[in-house]
All heavy atoms as atom14 arrays in JSON, in Angstrom:
{
  "sequence": "TDHNDNTITDTCLSLDTAVQLCDSWVDSYH",
  "atom14_mask": [
    [1, 1, 1, 1, 1, 1, 1, 0, 0, 0, 0, 0, 0, 0],
    [1, 1, 1, 1, 1, 1, 1, 1, 0, 0, 0, 0, 0, 0],
    [1, 1, 1, 1, 1, 1, 1, 1, 1, 1, 0, 0, 0, 0],
    [1, 1, 1, 1, 1, 1, 1, 1, 0, 0, 0, 0, 0, 0],
    [1, 1, 1, 1, 1, 1, 1, 1, 0, 0, 0, 0, 0, 0],
    [1, 1, 1, 1, 1, 1, 1, 1, 0, 0, 0, 0, 0, 0],
    [1, 1, 1, 1, 1, 1, 1, 0, 0, 0, 0, 0, 0, 0],
    [1, 1, 1, 1, 1, 1, 1, 1, 0, 0, 0, 0, 0, 0],
    [1, 1, 1, 1, 1, 1, 1, 0, 0, 0, 0, 0, 0, 0],
    [1, 1, 1, 1, 1, 1, 1, 1, 0, 0, 0, 0, 0, 0],
    [1, 1, 1, 1, 1, 1, 1, 0, 0, 0, 0, 0, 0, 0],
    [1, 1, 1, 1, 1, 1, 0, 0, 0, 0, 0, 0, 0, 0],
    [1, 1, 1, 1, 1, 1, 1, 1, 0, 0, 0, 0, 0, 0],
    [1, 1, 1, 1, 1, 1, 0, 0, 0, 0, 0, 0, 0, 0],
    [1, 1, 1, 1, 1, 1, 1, 1, 0, 0, 0, 0, 0, 0],
    [1, 1, 1, 1, 1, 1, 1, 1, 0, 0, 0, 0, 0, 0],
    [1, 1, 1, 1, 1, 1, 1, 0, 0, 0, 0, 0, 0, 0],
    [1, 1, 1, 1, 1, 0, 0, 0, 0, 0, 0, 0, 0, 0],
    [1, 1, 1, 1, 1, 1, 1, 0, 0, 0, 0, 0, 0, 0],
    [1, 1, 1, 1, 1, 1, 1, 1, 1, 0, 0, 0, 0, 0],
    [1, 1, 1, 1, 1, 1, 1, 1, 0, 0, 0, 0, 0, 0],
    [1, 1, 1, 1, 1, 1, 0, 0, 0, 0, 0, 0, 0, 0],
    [1, 1, 1, 1, 1, 1, 1, 1, 0, 0, 0, 0, 0, 0],
    [1, 1, 1, 1, 1, 1, 0, 0, 0, 0, 0, 0, 0, 0],
    [1, 1, 1, 1, 1, 1, 1, 1, 1, 1, 1, 1, 1, 1],
    [1, 1, 1, 1, 1, 1, 1, 0, 0, 0, 0, 0, 0, 0],
    [1, 1, 1, 1, 1, 1, 1, 1, 0, 0, 0, 0, 0, 0],
    [1, 1, 1, 1, 1, 1, 0, 0, 0, 0, 0, 0, 0, 0],
    [1, 1, 1, 1, 1, 1, 1, 1, 1, 1, 1, 1, 0, 0],
    [1, 1, 1, 1, 1, 1, 1, 1, 1, 1, 0, 0, 0, 0]
  ],
  "atom14_positions": [
    [[-16.39, 25.22, -2.51], [-17.51, 26.07, -2.1], [-18.38, 26.34, -3.32], [-17.9, 26.87, -4.33], [-17.0, 27.4, -1.53], [-16.1, 27.13, -0.44], [-18.17, 28.24, -1.03], [0.0, 0.0, 0.0], [0.0, 0.0, 0.0], [0.0, 0.0, 0.0], [0.0, 0.0, 0.0], [0.0, 0.0, 0.0], [0.0, 0.0, 0.0], [0.0, 0.0, 0.0]],
    [[-19.66, 25.95, -3.25], [-20.54, 26.13, -4.41], [-21.17, 27.53, -4.39], [-20.88, 28.36, -3.52], [-21.6, 25.04, -4.49], [-22.56, 25.05, -3.3], [-22.65, 26.09, -2.6], [-23.24, 24.03, -3.08], [0.0, 0.0, 0.0], [0.0, 0.0, 0.0], [0.0, 0.0, 0.0], [0.0, 0.0, 0.0], [0.0, 0.0, 0.0], [0.0, 0.0, 0.0]],
    [[-22.06, 27.78, -5.37], [-22.64, 29.11, -5.5], [-23.59, 29.47, -4.35], [-23.96, 30.63, -4.18], [-23.4, 29.23, -6.84], [-24.5, 28.24, -6.99], [-24.28, 26.92, -7.35], [-25.85, 28.36, -6.82], [-25.45, 26.28, -7.41], [-26.4, 27.12, -7.09], [0.0, 0.0, 0.0], [0.0, 0.0, 0.0], [0.0, 0.0, 0.0], [0.0, 0.0, 0.0]],
    [[-23.97, 28.46, -3.56], [-24.81, 28.71, -2.39], [-23.99, 28.77, -1.1], [-24.56, 28.71, 0.0], [-25.88, 27.62, -2.26], [-26.89, 27.67, -3.39], [-27.31, 28.75, -3.81], [-27.29, 26.51, -3.88], [0.0, 0.0, 0.0], [0.0, 0.0, 0.0], [0.0, 0.0, 0.0], [0.0, 0.0, 0.0], [0.0, 0.0, 0.0], [0.0, 0.0, 0.0]],
    [[-22.67, 28.85, -1.26], [-21.73, 28.9, -0.13], [-21.74, 27.62, 0.69], [-21.35, 27.62, 1.87], [-22.04, 30.1, 0.79], [-21.68, 31.43, 0.13], [-20.76, 31.43, -0.71], [-22.32, 32.45, 0.46], [0.0, 0.0, 0.0], [0.0, 0.0, 0.0], [0.0, 0.0, 0.0], [0.0, 0.0, 0.0], [0.0, 0.0, 0.0], [0.0, 0.0, 0.0]],
    [[-22.18, 26.51, 0.09], [-22.06, 25.2, 0.74], [-20.67, 24.64, 0.45], [-20.13, 24.81, -0.64], [-23.13, 24.24, 0.2], [-24.53, 24.71, 0.52], [-24.82, 25.14, 1.64], [-25.43, 24.64, -0.46], [0.0, 0.0, 0.0], [0.0, 0.0, 0.0], [0.0, 0.0, 0.0], [0.0, 0.0, 0.0], [0.0, 0.0, 0.0], [0.0, 0.0, 0.0]],
    [[-20.08, 23.95, 1.43], [-18.75, 23.38, 1.25], [-18.84, 21.86, 1.16], [-19.59, 21.22, 1.91], [-17.81, 23.77, 2.4], [-18.38, 23.35, 3.65], [-17.6, 25.27, 2.42], [0.0, 0.0, 0.0], [0.0, 0.0, 0.0], [0.0, 0.0, 0.0], [0.0, 0.0, 0.0], [0.0, 0.0, 0.0], [0.0, 0.0, 0.0], [0.0, 0.0, 0.0]],
    [[-18.08, 21.31, 0.25], [-18.01, 19.86, 0.05], [-16.56, 19.45, 0.22], [-15.67, 19.98, -0.46], [-18.52, 19.47, -1.36], [-19.95, 19.97, -1.57], [-18.43, 17.97, -1.56], [-20.43, 19.83, -3.0], [0.0, 0.0, 0.0], [0.0, 0.0, 0.0], [0.0, 0.0, 0.0], [0.0, 0.0, 0.0], [0.0, 0.0, 0.0], [0.0, 0.0, 0.0]],
    [[-16.31, 18.5, 1.1], [-14.95, 18.02, 1.34], [-14.82, 16.6, 0.81], [-15.71, 15.77, 1.0], [-14.61, 18.04, 2.84], [-14.74, 19.38, 3.33], [-13.18, 17.58, 3.08], [0.0, 0.0, 0.0], [0.0, 0.0, 0.0], [0.0, 0.0, 0.0], [0.0, 0.0, 0.0], [0.0, 0.0, 0.0], [0.0, 0.0, 0.0], [0.0, 0.0, 0.0]],
    [[-13.72, 16.36, 0.12], [-13.53, 15.1, -0.58], [-12.06, 14.69, -0.52], [-11.17, 15.54, -0.42], [-13.91, 15.3, -2.05], [-14.8, 14.19, -2.58], [-14.99, 13.2, -1.86], [-15.3, 14.33, -3.7], [0.0, 0.0, 0.0], [0.0, 0.0, 0.0], [0.0, 0.0, 0.0], [0.0, 0.0, 0.0], [0.0, 0.0, 0.0], [0.0, 0.0, 0.0]],
    [[-11.79, 13.38, -0.62], [-10.44, 12.88, -0.81], [-10.33, 12.34, -2.22], [-11.18, 11.57, -2.66], [-10.1, 11.77, 0.21], [-10.14, 12.32, 1.52], [-8.73, 11.2, -0.05], [0.0, 0.0, 0.0], [0.0, 0.0, 0.0], [0.0, 0.0, 0.0], [0.0, 0.0, 0.0], [0.0, 0.0, 0.0], [0.0, 0.0, 0.0], [0.0, 0.0, 0.0]],
    [[-9.29, 12.77, -2.95], [-9.18, 12.44, -4.37], [-7.79, 11.89, -4.7], [-6.82, 12.14, -3.99], [-9.44, 13.67, -5.24], [-11.06, 14.44, -4.99], [0.0, 0.0, 0.0], [0.0, 0.0, 0.0], [0.0, 0.0, 0.0], [0.0, 0.0, 0.0], [0.0, 0.0, 0.0], [0.0, 0.0, 0.0], [0.0, 0.0, 0.0], [0.0, 0.0, 0.0]],
    [[-7.73, 11.18, -5.81], [-6.48, 10.67, -6.36], [-6.31, 11.25, -7.76], [-7.24, 11.21, -8.57], [-6.52, 9.14, -6.45], [-5.42, 8.46, -7.26], [-4.06, 8.62, -6.57], [-5.73, 6.99, -7.48], [0.0, 0.0, 0.0], [0.0, 0.0, 0.0], [0.0, 0.0, 0.0], [0.0, 0.0, 0.0], [0.0, 0.0, 0.0], [0.0, 0.0, 0.0]],
    [[-5.13, 11.8, -8.03], [-4.83, 12.25, -9.39], [-3.57, 11.56, -9.89], [-2.67, 11.24, -9.11], [-4.66, 13.77, -9.45], [-3.43, 14.16, -8.85], [0.0, 0.0, 0.0], [0.0, 0.0, 0.0], [0.0, 0.0, 0.0], [0.0, 0.0, 0.0], [0.0, 0.0, 0.0], [0.0, 0.0, 0.0], [0.0, 0.0, 0.0], [0.0, 0.0, 0.0]],
    [[-3.54, 11.33, -11.19], [-2.38, 10.77, -11.86], [-1.92, 11.8, -12.88], [-2.68, 12.13, -13.8], [-2.73, 9.44, -12.54], [-3.3, 8.35, -11.61], [-3.68, 7.11, -12.4], [-2.29, 7.98, -10.52], [0.0, 0.0, 0.0], [0.0, 0.0, 0.0], [0.0, 0.0, 0.0], [0.0, 0.0, 0.0], [0.0, 0.0, 0.0], [0.0, 0.0, 0.0]],
    [[-0.7, 12.31, -12.71], [-0.2, 13.38, -13.56], [-1.16, 14.57, -13.58], [-1.43, 15.14, -14.64], [0.04, 12.88, -14.99], [1.26, 11.98, -15.08], [2.14, 12.09, -14.2], [1.34, 11.18, -16.01], [0.0, 0.0, 0.0], [0.0, 0.0, 0.0], [0.0, 0.0, 0.0], [0.0, 0.0, 0.0], [0.0, 0.0, 0.0], [0.0, 0.0, 0.0]],
    [[-1.71, 14.91, -12.44], [-2.66, 16.01, -12.21], [-4.01, 15.79, -12.87], [-4.88, 16.66, -12.81], [-2.11, 17.39, -12.63], [-2.09, 17.51, -14.05], [-0.71, 17.63, -12.07], [0.0, 0.0, 0.0], [0.0, 0.0, 0.0], [0.0, 0.0, 0.0], [0.0, 0.0, 0.0], [0.0, 0.0, 0.0], [0.0, 0.0, 0.0], [0.0, 0.0, 0.0]],
    [[-4.24, 14.65, -13.53], [-5.57, 14.32, -14.06], [-6.31, 13.55, -12.98], [-5.85, 12.5, -12.53], [-5.46, 13.49, -15.34], [0.0, 0.0, 0.0], [0.0, 0.0, 0.0], [0.0, 0.0, 0.0], [0.0, 0.0, 0.0], [0.0, 0.0, 0.0], [0.0, 0.0, 0.0], [0.0, 0.0, 0.0], [0.0, 0.0, 0.0], [0.0, 0.0, 0.0]],
    [[-7.45, 14.06, -12.54], [-8.17, 13.42, -11.44], [-8.62, 12.03, -11.88], [-9.18, 11.83, -12.95], [-9.37, 14.29, -10.99], [-10.39, 14.48, -12.11], [-10.03, 13.69, -9.76], [0.0, 0.0, 0.0], [0.0, 0.0, 0.0], [0.0, 0.0, 0.0], [0.0, 0.0, 0.0], [0.0, 0.0, 0.0], [0.0, 0.0, 0.0], [0.0, 0.0, 0.0]],
    [[-8.34, 11.05, -11.04], [-8.68, 9.66, -11.34], [-9.92, 9.21, -10.58], [-10.76, 8.51, -11.12], [-7.49, 8.75, -10.98], [-7.67, 7.29, -11.38], [-7.59, 7.06, -12.88], [-7.38, 8.0, -13.64], [-7.78, 5.83, -13.31], [0.0, 0.0, 0.0], [0.0, 0.0, 0.0], [0.0, 0.0, 0.0], [0.0, 0.0, 0.0], [0.0, 0.0, 0.0]],
    [[-10.03, 9.63, -9.33], [-11.22, 9.31, -8.55], [-11.31, 10.22, -7.34], [-10.32, 10.75, -6.86], [-11.22, 7.84, -8.11], [-10.09, 7.34, -7.2], [-10.39, 7.59, -5.72], [-9.87, 5.85, -7.41], [0.0, 0.0, 0.0], [0.0, 0.0, 0.0], [0.0, 0.0, 0.0], [0.0, 0.0, 0.0], [0.0, 0.0, 0.0], [0.0, 0.0, 0.0]],
    [[-12.54, 10.42, -6.87], [-12.82, 11.1, -5.61], [-13.84, 10.26, -4.86], [-14.69, 9.58, -5.48], [-13.37, 12.5, -5.84], [-12.18, 13.69, -6.51], [0.0, 0.0, 0.0], [0.0, 0.0, 0.0], [0.0, 0.0, 0.0], [0.0, 0.0, 0.0], [0.0, 0.0, 0.0], [0.0, 0.0, 0.0], [0.0, 0.0, 0.0], [0.0, 0.0, 0.0]],
    [[-13.77, 10.3, -3.55], [-14.67, 9.48, -2.74], [-16.14, 9.72, -3.08], [-16.95, 8.8, -3.05], [-14.45, 9.77, -1.24], [-13.16, 9.16, -0.73], [-12.64, 8.22, -1.37], [-12.66, 9.62, 0.31], [0.0, 0.0, 0.0], [0.0, 0.0, 0.0], [0.0, 0.0, 0.0], [0.0, 0.0, 0.0], [0.0, 0.0, 0.0], [0.0, 0.0, 0.0]],
    [[-16.48, 10.96, -3.43], [-17.89, 11.31, -3.63], [-18.49, 10.7, -4.89], [-19.71, 10.56, -4.99], [-18.06, 12.84, -3.66], [-17.29, 13.39, -4.72], [0.0, 0.0, 0.0], [0.0, 0.0, 0.0], [0.0, 0.0, 0.0], [0.0, 0.0, 0.0], [0.0, 0.0, 0.0], [0.0, 0.0, 0.0], [0.0, 0.0, 0.0], [0.0, 0.0, 0.0]],
    [[-17.64, 10.32, -5.87], [-18.21, 9.78, -7.1], [-17.54, 8.5, -7.61], [-17.78, 8.05, -8.73], [-18.21, 10.83, -8.22], [-16.92, 11.56, -8.47], [-16.6, 12.8, -8.01], [-15.8, 11.1, -9.23], [-15.34, 13.15, -8.45], [-14.83, 12.14, -9.22], [-15.51, 9.94, -9.94], [-13.6, 12.02, -9.86], [-14.29, 9.82, -10.6], [-13.35, 10.85, -10.54]],
    [[-16.71, 7.88, -6.77], [-16.0, 6.68, -7.23], [-16.98, 5.56, -7.59], [-16.77, 4.84, -8.57], [-14.98, 6.22, -6.16], [-15.66, 5.84, -4.86], [-14.15, 5.06, -6.7], [0.0, 0.0, 0.0], [0.0, 0.0, 0.0], [0.0, 0.0, 0.0], [0.0, 0.0, 0.0], [0.0, 0.0, 0.0], [0.0, 0.0, 0.0], [0.0, 0.0, 0.0]],
    [[-18.06, 5.42, -6.84], [-19.02, 4.35, -7.14], [-19.81, 4.63, -8.42], [-19.96, 3.75, -9.28], [-19.99, 4.17, -5.96], [-19.32, 3.52, -4.76], [-18.44, 2.67, -4.97], [-19.67, 3.87, -3.62], [0.0, 0.0, 0.0], [0.0, 0.0, 0.0], [0.0, 0.0, 0.0], [0.0, 0.0, 0.0], [0.0, 0.0, 0.0], [0.0, 0.0, 0.0]],
    [[-20.3, 5.85, -8.56], [-21.09, 6.17, -9.75], [-20.24, 6.1, -11.01], [-20.71, 5.68, -12.08], [-21.73, 7.55, -9.62], [-20.75, 8.55, -9.39], [0.0, 0.0, 0.0], [0.0, 0.0, 0.0], [0.0, 0.0, 0.0], [0.0, 0.0, 0.0], [0.0, 0.0, 0.0], [0.0, 0.0, 0.0], [0.0, 0.0, 0.0], [0.0, 0.0, 0.0]],
    [[-18.97, 6.48, -10.9], [-18.07, 6.38, -12.06], [-17.93, 4.94, -12.53], [-18.03, 4.63, -13.72], [-16.7, 6.96, -11.7], [-15.64, 6.67, -12.75], [-15.56, 7.44, -13.91], [-14.73, 5.63, -12.59], [-14.6, 7.17, -14.89], [-13.77, 5.35, -13.55], [-13.71, 6.12, -14.69], [-12.77, 5.84, -15.65], [0.0, 0.0, 0.0], [0.0, 0.0, 0.0]],
    [[-17.7, 4.03, -11.59], [-17.5, 2.63, -11.97], [-18.81, 1.93, -12.33], [-18.79, 0.96, -13.09], [-16.75, 1.9, -10.86], [-15.3, 2.31, -10.76], [-14.87, 3.31, -9.91], [-14.21, 1.89, -11.45], [-13.57, 3.47, -10.07], [-13.14, 2.64, -10.99], [0.0, 0.0, 0.0], [0.0, 0.0, 0.0], [0.0, 0.0, 0.0], [0.0, 0.0, 0.0]]
  ]
}
């Protein structure tokens, strides 16, 4: 929930609790 009370839902992968990727930015990251 952001500061404007908008909600963003995502599916993410973490390795040892370090986030590796999320659907919302996997393309821009690579």
